[in-house]
């Protein structure tokens, strides 16, 4: 791991994320790949429709940039879930 970066701090039930904000620090760090992670304050770790959509968008953008999205992990107080799984 070469870098940890906070891209967005959302509200109780939403966070705005755009691939350009995700990849800017990865490009500046000369990263070959990234892992996304975010929390679900509700404690539910199942990915939402929005989680799946942003994962697809970031993966597509990464493919164009040559920076692989390895996984997107959802974290709660007591559990975690890999979207890749």
PDB file of N, CA and C in Angstrom:
ATOM      1  N   UNK A   1       0.853  -1.174   0.000  1.00  0.00           N
ATOM      2  CA  UNK A   1       0.000   0.000   0.000  1.00  0.00           C
ATOM      3  C   UNK A   1       0.895   1.232   0.000  1.00  0.00           C
ATOM      4  N   UNK A   2       0.574   2.148  -0.906  1.00  0.00           N
ATOM      5  CA  UNK A   2       1.405   3.351  -0.998  1.00  0.00           C
ATOM      6  C   UNK A   2       0.674   4.619  -0.581  1.00  0.00           C
ATOM      7  N   UNK A   3      -0.666   4.535  -0.420  1.00  0.00           N
ATOM      8  CA  UNK A   3      -1.419   5.752  -0.127  1.00  0.00           C
ATOM      9  C   UNK A   3      -2.808   5.390   0.397  1.00  0.00           C
ATOM     10  N   UNK A   4      -3.291   6.165   1.339  1.00  0.00           N
ATOM     11  CA  UNK A   4      -4.684   6.099   1.782  1.00  0.00           C
ATOM     12  C   UNK A   4      -5.244   7.497   1.611  1.00  0.00           C
ATOM     13  N   UNK A   5      -6.424   7.605   0.995  1.00  0.00           N
ATOM     14  CA  UNK A   5      -6.983   8.914   0.716  1.00  0.00           C
ATOM     15  C   UNK A   5      -8.484   8.926   0.982  1.00  0.00           C
ATOM     16  N   UNK A   6      -8.962   9.982   1.600  1.00  0.00           N
ATOM     17  CA  UNK A   6     -10.396  10.186   1.785  1.00  0.00           C
ATOM     18  C   UNK A   6     -10.911  10.973   0.594  1.00  0.00           C
ATOM     19  N   UNK A   7     -11.848  10.378  -0.138  1.00  0.00           N
ATOM     20  CA  UNK A   7     -12.393  11.013  -1.336  1.00  0.00           C
ATOM     21  C   UNK A   7     -13.632  11.825  -1.002  1.00  0.00           C
ATOM     22  N   UNK A   8     -14.469  11.307  -0.114  1.00  0.00           N
ATOM     23  CA  UNK A   8     -15.732  11.973   0.180  1.00  0.00           C
ATOM     24  C   UNK A   8     -16.179  11.631   1.586  1.00  0.00           C
ATOM     25  N   UNK A   9     -16.760  12.610   2.253  1.00  0.00           N
ATOM     26  CA  UNK A   9     -17.423  12.375   3.535  1.00  0.00           C
ATOM     27  C   UNK A   9     -18.885  12.716   3.317  1.00  0.00           C
ATOM     28  N   UNK A  10     -19.718  11.705   3.421  1.00  0.00           N
ATOM     29  CA  UNK A  10     -21.127  11.868   3.081  1.00  0.00           C
ATOM     30  C   UNK A  10     -21.994  12.197   4.272  1.00  0.00           C
ATOM     31  N   UNK A  11     -23.281  12.159   4.018  1.00  0.00           N
ATOM     32  CA  UNK A  11     -24.275  12.368   5.064  1.00  0.00           C
ATOM     33  C   UNK A  11     -24.645  11.004   5.662  1.00  0.00           C
ATOM     34  N   UNK A  12     -25.697  10.957   6.403  1.00  0.00           N
ATOM     35  CA  UNK A  12     -26.120   9.723   7.053  1.00  0.00           C
ATOM     36  C   UNK A  12     -26.420   8.615   6.056  1.00  0.00           C
ATOM     37  N   UNK A  13     -26.987   8.972   4.894  1.00  0.00           N
ATOM     38  CA  UNK A  13     -27.396   7.909   3.972  1.00  0.00           C
ATOM     39  C   UNK A  13     -26.925   8.107   2.528  1.00  0.00           C
ATOM     40  N   UNK A  14     -25.987   9.003   2.289  1.00  0.00           N
ATOM     41  CA  UNK A  14     -25.514   9.205   0.921  1.00  0.00           C
ATOM     42  C   UNK A  14     -24.139   9.866   0.915  1.00  0.00           C
ATOM     43  N   UNK A  15     -23.414   9.612  -0.157  1.00  0.00           N
ATOM     44  CA  UNK A  15     -22.124  10.252  -0.380  1.00  0.00           C
ATOM     45  C   UNK A  15     -21.923  10.402  -1.882  1.00  0.00           C
ATOM     46  N   UNK A  16     -21.544  11.579  -2.315  1.00  0.00           N
ATOM     47  CA  UNK A  16     -21.304  11.813  -3.730  1.00  0.00           C
ATOM     48  C   UNK A  16     -19.860  11.451  -4.054  1.00  0.00           C
ATOM     49  N   UNK A  17     -19.700  10.605  -5.047  1.00  0.00           N
ATOM     50  CA  UNK A  17     -18.368  10.163  -5.458  1.00  0.00           C
ATOM     51  C   UNK A  17     -18.295  10.225  -6.974  1.00  0.00           C
ATOM     52  N   UNK A  18     -17.210  10.777  -7.479  1.00  0.00           N
ATOM     53  CA  UNK A  18     -16.998  10.816  -8.921  1.00  0.00           C
ATOM     54  C   UNK A  18     -15.646  10.158  -9.206  1.00  0.00           C
ATOM     55  N   UNK A  19     -15.546   9.386 -10.272  1.00  0.00           N
ATOM     56  CA  UNK A  19     -14.271   8.716 -10.570  1.00  0.00           C
ATOM     57  C   UNK A  19     -13.066   9.651 -10.630  1.00  0.00           C
ATOM     58  N   UNK A  20     -13.227  10.891 -11.054  1.00  0.00           N
ATOM     59  CA  UNK A  20     -12.060  11.783 -11.139  1.00  0.00           C
ATOM     60  C   UNK A  20     -11.461  12.027  -9.761  1.00  0.00           C
ATOM     61  N   UNK A  21     -12.312  12.142  -8.716  1.00  0.00           N
ATOM     62  CA  UNK A  21     -11.786  12.331  -7.363  1.00  0.00           C
ATOM     63  C   UNK A  21     -11.147  11.049  -6.829  1.00  0.00           C
ATOM     64  N   UNK A  22     -11.657   9.905  -7.283  1.00  0.00           N
ATOM     65  CA  UNK A  22     -11.086   8.628  -6.869  1.00  0.00           C
ATOM     66  C   UNK A  22      -9.691   8.454  -7.472  1.00  0.00           C
ATOM     67  N   UNK A  23      -9.542   8.784  -8.741  1.00  0.00           N
ATOM     68  CA  UNK A  23      -8.297   8.486  -9.438  1.00  0.00           C
ATOM     69  C   UNK A  23      -7.225   9.568  -9.333  1.00  0.00           C
ATOM     70  N   UNK A  24      -7.588  10.778  -8.968  1.00  0.00           N
ATOM     71  CA  UNK A  24      -6.568  11.831  -8.874  1.00  0.00           C
ATOM     72  C   UNK A  24      -5.423  11.430  -7.946  1.00  0.00           C
ATOM     73  N   UNK A  25      -5.709  11.024  -6.698  1.00  0.00           N
ATOM     74  CA  UNK A  25      -4.580  10.645  -5.837  1.00  0.00           C
ATOM     75  C   UNK A  25      -3.869   9.379  -6.314  1.00  0.00           C
ATOM     76  N   UNK A  26      -4.597   8.478  -6.963  1.00  0.00           N
ATOM     77  CA  UNK A  26      -3.966   7.257  -7.484  1.00  0.00           C
ATOM     78  C   UNK A  26      -2.982   7.606  -8.604  1.00  0.00           C
ATOM     79  N   UNK A  27      -3.367   8.526  -9.460  1.00  0.00           N
ATOM     80  CA  UNK A  27      -2.484   8.958 -10.542  1.00  0.00           C
ATOM     81  C   UNK A  27      -1.255   9.668  -9.971  1.00  0.00           C
ATOM     82  N   UNK A  28      -1.483  10.570  -9.015  1.00  0.00           N
ATOM     83  CA  UNK A  28      -0.366  11.300  -8.410  1.00  0.00           C
ATOM     84  C   UNK A  28       0.598  10.378  -7.671  1.00  0.00           C
ATOM     85  N   UNK A  29       0.081   9.254  -7.148  1.00  0.00           N
ATOM     86  CA  UNK A  29       0.926   8.295  -6.427  1.00  0.00           C
ATOM     87  C   UNK A  29       1.512   7.230  -7.352  1.00  0.00           C
ATOM     88  N   UNK A  30       1.220   7.330  -8.655  1.00  0.00           N
ATOM     89  CA  UNK A  30       1.668   6.327  -9.625  1.00  0.00           C
ATOM     90  C   UNK A  30       1.200   4.923  -9.263  1.00  0.00           C
ATOM     91  N   UNK A  31      -0.037   4.816  -8.802  1.00  0.00           N
ATOM     92  CA  UNK A  31      -0.595   3.531  -8.389  1.00  0.00           C
ATOM     93  C   UNK A  31      -0.948   2.667  -9.597  1.00  0.00           C
ATOM     94  N   UNK A  32      -0.741   1.380  -9.454  1.00  0.00           N
ATOM     95  CA  UNK A  32      -1.112   0.424 -10.492  1.00  0.00           C
ATOM     96  C   UNK A  32      -2.520  -0.110 -10.266  1.00  0.00           C
ATOM     97  N   UNK A  33      -2.994  -0.005  -9.017  1.00  0.00           N
ATOM     98  CA  UNK A  33      -4.324  -0.510  -8.682  1.00  0.00           C
ATOM     99  C   UNK A  33      -4.846   0.227  -7.450  1.00  0.00           C
ATOM    100  N   UNK A  34      -6.162   0.104  -7.226  1.00  0.00           N
ATOM    101  CA  UNK A  34      -6.793   0.732  -6.059  1.00  0.00           C
ATOM    102  C   UNK A  34      -7.797  -0.233  -5.438  1.00  0.00           C
ATOM    103  N   UNK A  35      -8.119   0.027  -4.180  1.00  0.00           N
ATOM    104  CA  UNK A  35      -9.218  -0.631  -3.482  1.00  0.00           C
ATOM    105  C   UNK A  35     -10.083   0.478  -2.909  1.00  0.00           C
ATOM    106  N   UNK A  36     -11.379   0.422  -3.198  1.00  0.00           N
ATOM    107  CA  UNK A  36     -12.327   1.367  -2.611  1.00  0.00           C
ATOM    108  C   UNK A  36     -12.863   0.783  -1.316  1.00  0.00           C
ATOM    109  N   UNK A  37     -13.170   1.628  -0.365  1.00  0.00           N
ATOM    110  CA  UNK A  37     -13.807   1.196   0.879  1.00  0.00           C
ATOM    111  C   UNK A  37     -14.708   2.313   1.366  1.00  0.00           C
ATOM    112  N   UNK A  38     -15.845   1.932   1.912  1.00  0.00           N
ATOM    113  CA  UNK A  38     -16.717   2.910   2.544  1.00  0.00           C
ATOM    114  C   UNK A  38     -17.537   2.222   3.624  1.00  0.00           C
ATOM    115  N   UNK A  39     -18.129   3.028   4.483  1.00  0.00           N
ATOM    116  CA  UNK A  39     -18.900   2.447   5.580  1.00  0.00           C
ATOM    117  C   UNK A  39     -20.399   2.586   5.346  1.00  0.00           C
ATOM    118  N   UNK A  40     -21.136   1.704   5.982  1.00  0.00           N
ATOM    119  CA  UNK A  40     -22.591   1.777   6.054  1.00  0.00           C
ATOM    120  C   UNK A  40     -22.945   1.935   7.531  1.00  0.00           C
ATOM    121  N   UNK A  41     -23.280   3.134   7.964  1.00  0.00           N
ATOM    122  CA  UNK A  41     -23.598   3.352   9.379  1.00  0.00           C
ATOM    123  C   UNK A  41     -24.771   2.508   9.872  1.00  0.00           C
ATOM    124  N   UNK A  42     -25.631   2.064   8.954  1.00  0.00           N
ATOM    125  CA  UNK A  42     -26.787   1.253   9.338  1.00  0.00           C
ATOM    126  C   UNK A  42     -26.377  -0.109   9.877  1.00  0.00           C
ATOM    127  N   UNK A  43     -25.159  -0.547   9.576  1.00  0.00           N
ATOM    128  CA  UNK A  43     -24.711  -1.864   9.998  1.00  0.00           C
ATOM    129  C   UNK A  43     -24.936  -2.925   8.930  1.00  0.00           C
ATOM    130  N   UNK A  44     -25.719  -2.616   7.914  1.00  0.00           N
ATOM    131  CA  UNK A  44     -25.998  -3.535   6.811  1.00  0.00           C
ATOM    132  C   UNK A  44     -24.867  -3.441   5.799  1.00  0.00           C
ATOM    133  N   UNK A  45     -24.268  -4.577   5.447  1.00  0.00           N
ATOM    134  CA  UNK A  45     -23.138  -4.546   4.533  1.00  0.00           C
ATOM    135  C   UNK A  45     -23.475  -4.965   3.104  1.00  0.00           C
ATOM    136  N   UNK A  46     -24.723  -5.269   2.838  1.00  0.00           N
ATOM    137  CA  UNK A  46     -25.101  -5.593   1.455  1.00  0.00           C
ATOM    138  C   UNK A  46     -24.959  -4.345   0.595  1.00  0.00           C
ATOM    139  N   UNK A  47     -24.358  -4.471  -0.590  1.00  0.00           N
ATOM    140  CA  UNK A  47     -24.194  -3.300  -1.451  1.00  0.00           C
ATOM    141  C   UNK A  47     -25.532  -2.787  -1.971  1.00  0.00           C
ATOM    142  N   UNK A  48     -25.667  -1.471  -1.965  1.00  0.00           N
ATOM    143  CA  UNK A  48     -26.867  -0.845  -2.514  1.00  0.00           C
ATOM    144  C   UNK A  48     -26.740  -0.770  -4.031  1.00  0.00           C
ATOM    145  N   UNK A  49     -27.825  -0.389  -4.680  1.00  0.00           N
ATOM    146  CA  UNK A  49     -27.804  -0.185  -6.126  1.00  0.00           C
ATOM    147  C   UNK A  49     -26.756   0.879  -6.480  1.00  0.00           C
ATOM    148  N   UNK A  50     -26.701   1.955  -5.685  1.00  0.00           N
ATOM    149  CA  UNK A  50     -25.705   3.016  -5.915  1.00  0.00           C
ATOM    150  C   UNK A  50     -24.282   2.502  -5.722  1.00  0.00           C
ATOM    151  N   UNK A  51     -24.062   1.635  -4.728  1.00  0.00           N
ATOM    152  CA  UNK A  51     -22.736   1.059  -4.506  1.00  0.00           C
ATOM    153  C   UNK A  51     -22.273   0.269  -5.733  1.00  0.00           C
ATOM    154  N   UNK A  52     -23.165  -0.525  -6.273  1.00  0.00           N
ATOM    155  CA  UNK A  52     -22.838  -1.340  -7.441  1.00  0.00           C
ATOM    156  C   UNK A  52     -22.579  -0.452  -8.660  1.00  0.00           C
ATOM    157  N   UNK A  53     -23.394   0.592  -8.817  1.00  0.00           N
ATOM    158  CA  UNK A  53     -23.224   1.500  -9.960  1.00  0.00           C
ATOM    159  C   UNK A  53     -21.898   2.251  -9.899  1.00  0.00           C
ATOM    160  N   UNK A  54     -21.539   2.794  -8.734  1.00  0.00           N
ATOM    161  CA  UNK A  54     -20.270   3.524  -8.653  1.00  0.00           C
ATOM    162  C   UNK A  54     -19.096   2.575  -8.819  1.00  0.00           C
ATOM    163  N   UNK A  55     -19.229   1.341  -8.355  1.00  0.00           N
ATOM    164  CA  UNK A  55     -18.170   0.357  -8.555  1.00  0.00           C
ATOM    165  C   UNK A  55     -17.942   0.119 -10.042  1.00  0.00           C
ATOM    166  N   UNK A  56     -19.011  -0.031 -10.801  1.00  0.00           N
ATOM    167  CA  UNK A  56     -18.901  -0.227 -12.251  1.00  0.00           C
ATOM    168  C   UNK A  56     -18.263   0.981 -12.927  1.00  0.00           C
ATOM    169  N   UNK A  57     -18.686   2.185 -12.538  1.00  0.00           N
ATOM    170  CA  UNK A  57     -18.136   3.407 -13.142  1.00  0.00           C
ATOM    171  C   UNK A  57     -16.646   3.563 -12.856  1.00  0.00           C
ATOM    172  N   UNK A  58     -16.257   3.293 -11.611  1.00  0.00           N
ATOM    173  CA  UNK A  58     -14.851   3.411 -11.237  1.00  0.00           C
ATOM    174  C   UNK A  58     -14.024   2.338 -11.952  1.00  0.00           C
ATOM    175  N   UNK A  59     -14.552   1.136 -12.049  1.00  0.00           N
ATOM    176  CA  UNK A  59     -13.840   0.062 -12.757  1.00  0.00           C
ATOM    177  C   UNK A  59     -13.626   0.428 -14.223  1.00  0.00           C
ATOM    178  N   UNK A  60     -14.670   0.952 -14.877  1.00  0.00           N
ATOM    179  CA  UNK A  60     -14.547   1.358 -16.283  1.00  0.00           C
ATOM    180  C   UNK A  60     -13.525   2.486 -16.448  1.00  0.00           C
ATOM    181  N   UNK A  61     -13.565   3.475 -15.561  1.00  0.00           N
ATOM    182  CA  UNK A  61     -12.603   4.572 -15.631  1.00  0.00           C
ATOM    183  C   UNK A  61     -11.186   4.055 -15.403  1.00  0.00           C
ATOM    184  N   UNK A  62     -11.032   3.144 -14.460  1.00  0.00           N
ATOM    185  CA  UNK A  62      -9.726   2.556 -14.185  1.00  0.00           C
ATOM    186  C   UNK A  62      -9.180   1.795 -15.383  1.00  0.00           C
ATOM    187  N   UNK A  63     -10.070   1.103 -16.080  1.00  0.00           N
ATOM    188  CA  UNK A  63      -9.634   0.384 -17.280  1.00  0.00           C
ATOM    189  C   UNK A  63      -9.074   1.354 -18.319  1.00  0.00           C
ATOM    190  N   UNK A  64      -9.706   2.512 -18.470  1.00  0.00           N
ATOM    191  CA  UNK A  64      -9.205   3.524 -19.411  1.00  0.00           C
ATOM    192  C   UNK A  64      -7.854   4.099 -18.981  1.00  0.00           C
ATOM    193  N   UNK A  65      -7.693   4.241 -17.671  1.00  0.00           N
ATOM    194  CA  UNK A  65      -6.471   4.850 -17.136  1.00  0.00           C
ATOM    195  C   UNK A  65      -5.344   3.849 -16.912  1.00  0.00           C
ATOM    196  N   UNK A  66      -5.662   2.568 -16.959  1.00  0.00           N
ATOM    197  CA  UNK A  66      -4.649   1.559 -16.660  1.00  0.00           C
ATOM    198  C   UNK A  66      -4.411   1.385 -15.173  1.00  0.00           C
ATOM    199  N   UNK A  67      -5.423   1.697 -14.374  1.00  0.00           N
ATOM    200  CA  UNK A  67      -5.344   1.523 -12.921  1.00  0.00           C
ATOM    201  C   UNK A  67      -6.472   0.574 -12.525  1.00  0.00           C
ATOM    202  N   UNK A  68      -6.110  -0.629 -12.127  1.00  0.00           N
ATOM    203  CA  UNK A  68      -7.098  -1.677 -11.855  1.00  0.00           C
ATOM    204  C   UNK A  68      -7.821  -1.454 -10.529  1.00  0.00           C
ATOM    205  N   UNK A  69      -9.146  -1.621 -10.544  1.00  0.00           N
ATOM    206  CA  UNK A  69      -9.931  -1.638  -9.305  1.00  0.00           C
ATOM    207  C   UNK A  69      -9.908  -3.070  -8.793  1.00  0.00           C
ATOM    208  N   UNK A  70      -9.205  -3.299  -7.682  1.00  0.00           N
ATOM    209  CA  UNK A  70      -9.084  -4.648  -7.136  1.00  0.00           C
ATOM    210  C   UNK A  70     -10.333  -5.087  -6.394  1.00  0.00           C
ATOM    211  N   UNK A  71     -10.959  -4.170  -5.661  1.00  0.00           N
ATOM    212  CA  UNK A  71     -12.141  -4.514  -4.875  1.00  0.00           C
ATOM    213  C   UNK A  71     -12.797  -3.238  -4.363  1.00  0.00           C
ATOM    214  N   UNK A  72     -14.006  -3.381  -3.914  1.00  0.00           N
ATOM    215  CA  UNK A  72     -14.754  -2.329  -3.228  1.00  0.00           C
ATOM    216  C   UNK A  72     -15.324  -2.985  -1.986  1.00  0.00           C
ATOM    217  N   UNK A  73     -14.927  -2.496  -0.831  1.00  0.00           N
ATOM    218  CA  UNK A  73     -15.281  -3.110   0.445  1.00  0.00           C
ATOM    219  C   UNK A  73     -16.240  -2.206   1.203  1.00  0.00           C
ATOM    220  N   UNK A  74     -17.300  -2.812   1.739  1.00  0.00           N
ATOM    221  CA  UNK A  74     -18.272  -2.090   2.572  1.00  0.00           C
ATOM    222  C   UNK A  74     -18.040  -2.527   4.009  1.00  0.00           C
ATOM    223  N   UNK A  75     -17.930  -1.543   4.895  1.00  0.00           N
ATOM    224  CA  UNK A  75     -17.599  -1.805   6.289  1.00  0.00           C
ATOM    225  C   UNK A  75     -18.728  -1.309   7.188  1.00  0.00           C
ATOM    226  N   UNK A  76     -19.063  -2.105   8.206  1.00  0.00           N
ATOM    227  CA  UNK A  76     -19.994  -1.654   9.245  1.00  0.00           C
ATOM    228  C   UNK A  76     -19.284  -1.791  10.591  1.00  0.00           C
ATOM    229  N   UNK A  77     -19.992  -1.507  11.666  1.00  0.00           N
ATOM    230  CA  UNK A  77     -19.380  -1.617  12.995  1.00  0.00           C
ATOM    231  C   UNK A  77     -18.910  -3.037  13.310  1.00  0.00           C
ATOM    232  N   UNK A  78     -19.614  -4.028  12.780  1.00  0.00           N
ATOM    233  CA  UNK A  78     -19.308  -5.407  13.170  1.00  0.00           C
ATOM    234  C   UNK A  78     -19.066  -6.363  12.006  1.00  0.00           C
ATOM    235  N   UNK A  79     -19.056  -5.871  10.778  1.00  0.00           N
ATOM    236  CA  UNK A  79     -18.929  -6.769   9.642  1.00  0.00           C
ATOM    237  C   UNK A  79     -18.326  -6.029   8.458  1.00  0.00           C
ATOM    238  N   UNK A  80     -18.032  -6.755   7.407  1.00  0.00           N
ATOM    239  CA  UNK A  80     -17.568  -6.159   6.151  1.00  0.00           C
ATOM    240  C   UNK A  80     -17.980  -7.070   5.015  1.00  0.00           C
ATOM    241  N   UNK A  81     -18.023  -6.496   3.814  1.00  0.00           N
ATOM    242  CA  UNK A  81     -18.443  -7.250   2.629  1.00  0.00           C
ATOM    243  C   UNK A  81     -17.638  -6.776   1.433  1.00  0.00           C
ATOM    244  N   UNK A  82     -17.127  -7.721   0.670  1.00  0.00           N
ATOM    245  CA  UNK A  82     -16.406  -7.438  -0.564  1.00  0.00           C
ATOM    246  C   UNK A  82     -17.397  -7.467  -1.713  1.00  0.00           C
ATOM    247  N   UNK A  83     -17.463  -6.393  -2.490  1.00  0.00           N
ATOM    248  CA  UNK A  83     -18.334  -6.397  -3.665  1.00  0.00           C
ATOM    249  C   UNK A  83     -17.784  -7.340  -4.723  1.00  0.00           C
ATOM    250  N   UNK A  84     -16.470  -7.518  -4.743  1.00  0.00           N
ATOM    251  CA  UNK A  84     -15.860  -8.430  -5.713  1.00  0.00           C
ATOM    252  C   UNK A  84     -16.403  -9.849  -5.529  1.00  0.00           C
ATOM    253  N   UNK A  85     -16.610 -10.253  -4.300  1.00  0.00           N
ATOM    254  CA  UNK A  85     -17.160 -11.585  -4.035  1.00  0.00           C
ATOM    255  C   UNK A  85     -18.565 -11.673  -4.556  1.00  0.00           C
TER     256      UNK A  85
END
